[in-house]
Amino acid sequence: MGETAVMRRIMLAMSGAATVFRNNIGARKIEDGTYLRYGVGGAGGSDLLGWKSVVVTPAMVGRKVALFVAIEVKSDEGRTTPEQDHFLSVVAGAGGLSGVARSVEEAMGIIAC
């Protein structure tokens, strides 16, 4: 199954568990010859970005917070680039939920807390 099909299944399965958006990344040459770049995270930005709401333990005042979510979707044969690995590492290092998903089950495992 291709990445687009996997991504659609993941987005549907996450409904209610997390809020994720498709993060299209790229560039388009405009009239003056320069490029308009779009997408969050540059060349390494993940395919799906969003948040998962969690309730913090009572010892942490019981506040509801949103954890940043970054999921790189790959087919069975797909491989991440060094830039994608770096983006996922930065998100995880900052306390977010991040990882590579090749299936709905892997994606749900990434956001499990």
C-alpha atoms as a PDB file:
ATOM      1  CA  MET A   1       0.000   0.000   0.000  1.00  0.00           C
ATOM      2  CA  GLY A   2       1.333   3.454  -0.896  1.00  0.00           C
ATOM      3  CA  GLU A   3       2.082   6.243   1.550  1.00  0.00           C
ATOM      4  CA  THR A   4      -0.990   8.302   0.613  1.00  0.00           C
ATOM      5  CA  ALA A   5      -3.341   5.402   1.329  1.00  0.00           C
ATOM      6  CA  VAL A   6      -1.589   4.656   4.642  1.00  0.00           C
ATOM      7  CA  MET A   7      -1.759   8.346   5.570  1.00  0.00           C
ATOM      8  CA  ARG A   8      -5.503   8.528   4.893  1.00  0.00           C
ATOM      9  CA  ARG A   9      -6.127   5.454   7.043  1.00  0.00           C
ATOM     10  CA  ILE A  10      -4.018   6.871   9.855  1.00  0.00           C
ATOM     11  CA  MET A  11      -5.825  10.214   9.754  1.00  0.00           C
ATOM     12  CA  LEU A  12      -9.217   8.489   9.932  1.00  0.00           C
ATOM     13  CA  ALA A  13      -8.131   6.179  12.752  1.00  0.00           C
ATOM     14  CA  MET A  14      -6.754   9.064  14.810  1.00  0.00           C
ATOM     15  CA  SER A  15     -10.055  10.928  14.803  1.00  0.00           C
ATOM     16  CA  GLY A  16     -10.886  11.389  18.470  1.00  0.00           C
ATOM     17  CA  ALA A  17      -7.475  10.210  19.683  1.00  0.00           C
ATOM     18  CA  ALA A  18      -5.422  13.118  18.316  1.00  0.00           C
ATOM     19  CA  THR A  19      -5.780  16.060  15.955  1.00  0.00           C
ATOM     20  CA  VAL A  20      -3.467  15.762  12.952  1.00  0.00           C
ATOM     21  CA  PHE A  21      -3.113  17.688   9.713  1.00  0.00           C
ATOM     22  CA  ARG A  22      -1.389  16.835   6.450  1.00  0.00           C
ATOM     23  CA  ASN A  23       1.819  18.843   6.208  1.00  0.00           C
ATOM     24  CA  ASN A  24       2.612  19.414   2.543  1.00  0.00           C
ATOM     25  CA  ILE A  25       6.186  20.551   2.041  1.00  0.00           C
ATOM     26  CA  GLY A  26       7.662  21.944  -1.112  1.00  0.00           C
ATOM     27  CA  ALA A  27       8.556  24.996  -3.168  1.00  0.00           C
ATOM     28  CA  ARG A  28       7.131  26.732  -6.183  1.00  0.00           C
ATOM     29  CA  LYS A  29       8.956  29.072  -8.510  1.00  0.00           C
ATOM     30  CA  ILE A  30       7.146  32.394  -8.727  1.00  0.00           C
ATOM     31  CA  GLU A  31       7.166  35.116 -11.395  1.00  0.00           C
ATOM     32  CA  ASP A  32      10.293  36.917 -10.212  1.00  0.00           C
ATOM     33  CA  GLY A  33      12.315  33.680 -10.342  1.00  0.00           C
ATOM     34  CA  THR A  34      12.456  33.157  -6.582  1.00  0.00           C
ATOM     35  CA  TYR A  35      10.897  30.245  -4.779  1.00  0.00           C
ATOM     36  CA  LEU A  36       7.975  30.298  -2.398  1.00  0.00           C
ATOM     37  CA  ARG A  37       8.574  27.571   0.163  1.00  0.00           C
ATOM     38  CA  TYR A  38       5.740  26.053   2.157  1.00  0.00           C
ATOM     39  CA  GLY A  39       5.198  23.494   4.902  1.00  0.00           C
ATOM     40  CA  VAL A  40       6.222  23.235   8.547  1.00  0.00           C
ATOM     41  CA  GLY A  41       9.706  22.000   9.359  1.00  0.00           C
ATOM     42  CA  GLY A  42      11.417  22.514   6.025  1.00  0.00           C
ATOM     43  CA  ALA A  43      12.751  19.531   4.103  1.00  0.00           C
ATOM     44  CA  GLY A  44      12.522  17.260   7.166  1.00  0.00           C
ATOM     45  CA  GLY A  45       9.037  18.208   8.357  1.00  0.00           C
ATOM     46  CA  SER A  46       6.797  15.215   9.057  1.00  0.00           C
ATOM     47  CA  ASP A  47       3.809  14.222   6.920  1.00  0.00           C
ATOM     48  CA  LEU A  48       1.337  14.566   9.776  1.00  0.00           C
ATOM     49  CA  LEU A  49       1.528  17.252  12.445  1.00  0.00           C
ATOM     50  CA  GLY A  50      -0.843  18.086  15.252  1.00  0.00           C
ATOM     51  CA  TRP A  51      -1.480  17.484  18.914  1.00  0.00           C
ATOM     52  CA  LYS A  52      -2.870  15.054  21.433  1.00  0.00           C
ATOM     53  CA  SER A  53      -4.667  16.403  24.472  1.00  0.00           C
ATOM     54  CA  VAL A  54      -3.732  14.742  27.728  1.00  0.00           C
ATOM     55  CA  VAL A  55      -4.693  15.334  31.328  1.00  0.00           C
ATOM     56  CA  VAL A  56      -1.634  15.803  33.490  1.00  0.00           C
ATOM     57  CA  THR A  57      -1.473  13.926  36.781  1.00  0.00           C
ATOM     58  CA  PRO A  58      -2.843  15.606  39.921  1.00  0.00           C
ATOM     59  CA  ALA A  59       0.724  16.157  41.080  1.00  0.00           C
ATOM     60  CA  MET A  60       1.051  18.430  38.051  1.00  0.00           C
ATOM     61  CA  VAL A  61      -2.014  20.532  38.945  1.00  0.00           C
ATOM     62  CA  GLY A  62      -4.403  18.455  36.788  1.00  0.00           C
ATOM     63  CA  ARG A  63      -4.089  20.792  33.808  1.00  0.00           C
ATOM     64  CA  LYS A  64      -5.030  19.619  30.359  1.00  0.00           C
ATOM     65  CA  VAL A  65      -2.166  20.101  27.910  1.00  0.00           C
ATOM     66  CA  ALA A  66      -1.519  19.394  24.254  1.00  0.00           C
ATOM     67  CA  LEU A  67       1.449  17.268  23.245  1.00  0.00           C
ATOM     68  CA  PHE A  68       2.878  18.034  19.820  1.00  0.00           C
ATOM     69  CA  VAL A  69       2.560  15.107  17.401  1.00  0.00           C
ATOM     70  CA  ALA A  70       4.802  14.487  14.362  1.00  0.00           C
ATOM     71  CA  ILE A  71       4.334  11.322  12.312  1.00  0.00           C
ATOM     72  CA  GLU A  72       6.371  10.469   9.251  1.00  0.00           C
ATOM     73  CA  VAL A  73       4.304   8.108   7.084  1.00  0.00           C
ATOM     74  CA  LYS A  74       6.163   5.552   4.975  1.00  0.00           C
ATOM     75  CA  SER A  75       5.218   2.593   2.817  1.00  0.00           C
ATOM     76  CA  ASP A  76       6.716  -0.796   3.644  1.00  0.00           C
ATOM     77  CA  GLU A  77       9.702   0.006   1.411  1.00  0.00           C
ATOM     78  CA  GLY A  78       9.983   3.713   2.261  1.00  0.00           C
ATOM     79  CA  ARG A  79      12.979   5.070   4.175  1.00  0.00           C
ATOM     80  CA  THR A  80      13.383   8.303   6.101  1.00  0.00           C
ATOM     81  CA  THR A  81      15.886  10.960   5.100  1.00  0.00           C
ATOM     82  CA  PRO A  82      18.462  12.301   7.564  1.00  0.00           C
ATOM     83  CA  GLU A  83      16.429  15.545   7.699  1.00  0.00           C
ATOM     84  CA  GLN A  84      13.265  13.629   8.630  1.00  0.00           C
ATOM     85  CA  ASP A  85      15.130  11.669  11.305  1.00  0.00           C
ATOM     86  CA  HIS A  86      16.456  14.940  12.726  1.00  0.00           C
ATOM     87  CA  PHE A  87      12.980  16.555  12.817  1.00  0.00           C
ATOM     88  CA  LEU A  88      11.510  13.534  14.621  1.00  0.00           C
ATOM     89  CA  SER A  89      14.398  13.573  17.089  1.00  0.00           C
ATOM     90  CA  VAL A  90      13.959  17.269  17.842  1.00  0.00           C
ATOM     91  CA  VAL A  91      10.222  16.815  18.465  1.00  0.00           C
ATOM     92  CA  ALA A  92      10.842  13.858  20.788  1.00  0.00           C
ATOM     93  CA  GLY A  93      13.631  15.733  22.574  1.00  0.00           C
ATOM     94  CA  ALA A  94      11.259  18.612  23.288  1.00  0.00           C
ATOM     95  CA  GLY A  95       8.689  16.252  24.843  1.00  0.00           C
ATOM     96  CA  GLY A  96       6.497  15.675  21.787  1.00  0.00           C
ATOM     97  CA  LEU A  97       5.261  12.411  20.351  1.00  0.00           C
ATOM     98  CA  SER A  98       7.024  11.457  17.130  1.00  0.00           C
ATOM     99  CA  GLY A  99       7.915   8.501  14.989  1.00  0.00           C
ATOM    100  CA  VAL A 100       7.659   6.673  11.694  1.00  0.00           C
ATOM    101  CA  ALA A 101       4.420   4.837  10.900  1.00  0.00           C
ATOM    102  CA  ARG A 102       3.883   2.261   8.178  1.00  0.00           C
ATOM    103  CA  SER A 103       0.425   1.303   9.480  1.00  0.00           C
ATOM    104  CA  VAL A 104      -2.460   2.558  11.592  1.00  0.00           C
ATOM    105  CA  GLU A 105      -1.243   0.369  14.458  1.00  0.00           C
ATOM    106  CA  GLU A 106       2.232   1.947  14.425  1.00  0.00           C
ATOM    107  CA  ALA A 107       0.737   5.452  14.317  1.00  0.00           C
ATOM    108  CA  MET A 108      -1.540   4.717  17.265  1.00  0.00           C
ATOM    109  CA  GLY A 109       1.471   3.346  19.138  1.00  0.00           C
ATOM    110  CA  ILE A 110       3.313   6.639  18.607  1.00  0.00           C
ATOM    111  CA  ILE A 111       0.547   8.650  20.283  1.00  0.00           C
ATOM    112  CA  ALA A 112      -0.077   6.151  23.098  1.00  0.00           C
ATOM    113  CA  CYS A 113       0.823   7.672  26.448  1.00  0.00           C
END
